[in-house]
Amino acid sequence: MNTNSLNSELNNLERRIKLVISEQVKLKNDVETYRNENRQLKETVKLKNHELNNFQNKFKLNQIANNAMENGNSEELKELLDNYIMEIDKCILHLNEA
């Protein structure tokens, strides 16, 4: 091989290496972007699950209240709500300690 041919091959090789490096940098940036998006989506799911649990609890309380009102048993409802309030207070204390 002559010098021109070797220089040409070397230039081609350098060009391909630069392309590979450029693609690697792009892929690293993409990975970081997807990781950030994944983190945000996980946090959103966590918040939505918390909201769903709150709504489910409210729905259960509404059902209990409706049943108690239909049955005319307000003393039982008062006792049940007092128990729920005590449980909620315990949970709040536990969360404050953590």
Protein backbone atom coordinates (compact mmCIF):
# COMPACT_ATOMS: atom_id res chain seq x y z
CA MET A 1 0.00 0.00 0.00
CA ASN A 2 1.19 3.44 -0.75
CA THR A 3 1.16 6.40 1.57
CA ASN A 4 -1.91 8.00 0.02
CA SER A 5 -3.88 4.83 0.45
CA LEU A 6 -2.79 4.51 4.07
CA ASN A 7 -3.65 8.14 4.76
CA SER A 8 -7.06 7.65 3.22
CA GLU A 9 -7.71 4.55 5.32
CA LEU A 10 -6.53 6.38 8.43
CA ASN A 11 -8.83 9.30 7.69
CA ASN A 12 -11.76 6.94 7.17
CA LEU A 13 -10.97 5.20 10.44
CA GLU A 14 -10.73 8.51 12.31
CA ARG A 15 -14.04 9.64 10.83
CA ARG A 16 -15.76 6.41 11.88
CA ILE A 17 -14.29 6.64 15.39
CA LYS A 18 -15.60 10.20 15.71
CA LEU A 19 -19.04 9.04 14.58
CA VAL A 20 -19.02 6.22 17.12
CA ILE A 21 -17.94 8.58 19.89
CA SER A 22 -20.61 11.06 18.88
CA GLU A 23 -23.26 8.32 18.92
CA GLN A 24 -22.05 7.15 22.33
CA VAL A 25 -22.41 10.65 23.77
CA LYS A 26 -25.88 10.95 22.30
CA LEU A 27 -26.89 7.58 23.76
CA LYS A 28 -25.53 8.53 27.19
CA ASN A 29 -27.60 11.70 27.11
CA ASP A 30 -30.67 9.72 26.06
CA VAL A 31 -30.15 7.26 28.91
CA GLU A 32 -29.92 10.10 31.42
CA THR A 33 -33.07 11.68 30.01
CA TYR A 34 -34.95 8.39 30.24
CA ARG A 35 -33.73 7.82 33.80
CA ASN A 36 -35.00 11.24 34.84
CA GLU A 37 -38.33 10.62 33.12
CA ASN A 38 -38.57 7.21 34.80
CA ARG A 39 -37.92 8.79 38.21
CA GLN A 40 -40.60 11.40 37.61
CA LEU A 41 -43.11 8.80 36.43
CA LYS A 42 -42.45 6.61 39.47
CA GLU A 43 -43.07 9.60 41.72
CA THR A 44 -46.29 10.38 39.85
CA VAL A 45 -47.45 6.78 40.23
CA LYS A 46 -46.65 6.91 43.94
CA LEU A 47 -48.68 10.11 44.38
CA LYS A 48 -51.59 8.73 42.34
CA ASN A 49 -51.61 5.53 44.42
CA HIS A 50 -51.69 7.63 47.58
CA GLU A 51 -54.60 9.66 46.20
CA LEU A 52 -56.40 6.48 45.19
CA ASN A 53 -56.01 5.06 48.70
CA ASN A 54 -57.39 8.28 50.15
CA PHE A 55 -60.39 8.16 47.83
CA GLN A 56 -61.00 4.50 48.64
CA ASN A 57 -60.94 5.30 52.36
CA LYS A 58 -63.36 8.19 51.86
CA PHE A 59 -65.63 5.95 49.82
CA LYS A 60 -65.62 3.31 52.56
CA LEU A 61 -66.41 5.93 55.18
CA ASN A 62 -69.26 7.25 53.05
CA GLN A 63 -70.65 3.74 52.64
CA ILE A 64 -70.45 3.15 56.39
CA ALA A 65 -72.09 6.51 57.10
CA ASN A 66 -74.86 5.82 54.59
CA ASN A 67 -75.48 2.36 56.03
CA ALA A 68 -75.55 3.71 59.58
CA MET A 69 -77.92 6.51 58.61
CA GLU A 70 -80.22 4.08 56.81
CA ASN A 71 -80.22 1.82 59.85
CA GLY A 72 -80.67 4.75 62.20
CA ASN A 73 -77.68 3.70 64.29
CA SER A 74 -75.80 6.97 64.81
CA GLU A 75 -74.14 5.78 68.04
CA GLU A 76 -72.42 2.96 66.15
CA LEU A 77 -71.34 5.43 63.48
CA LYS A 78 -69.92 7.80 66.10
CA GLU A 79 -67.95 4.97 67.69
CA LEU A 80 -66.65 3.79 64.32
CA LEU A 81 -65.57 7.30 63.33
CA ASP A 82 -63.87 7.79 66.69
CA ASN A 83 -61.92 4.57 66.09
CA TYR A 84 -60.89 5.78 62.63
CA ILE A 85 -59.78 9.11 64.05
CA MET A 86 -57.65 7.37 66.69
CA GLU A 87 -56.05 5.18 64.00
CA ILE A 88 -55.35 8.23 61.85
CA ASP A 89 -53.77 10.00 64.83
CA LYS A 90 -51.53 6.97 65.45
CA CYS A 91 -50.47 6.99 61.80
CA ILE A 92 -49.68 10.69 61.94
CA LEU A 93 -47.56 10.21 65.08
CA HIS A 94 -45.74 7.32 63.42
CA LEU A 95 -45.04 9.42 60.32
CA ASN A 96 -43.79 12.32 62.43
CA GLU A 97 -41.36 10.01 64.22
CA ALA A 98 -39.92 8.70 60.94
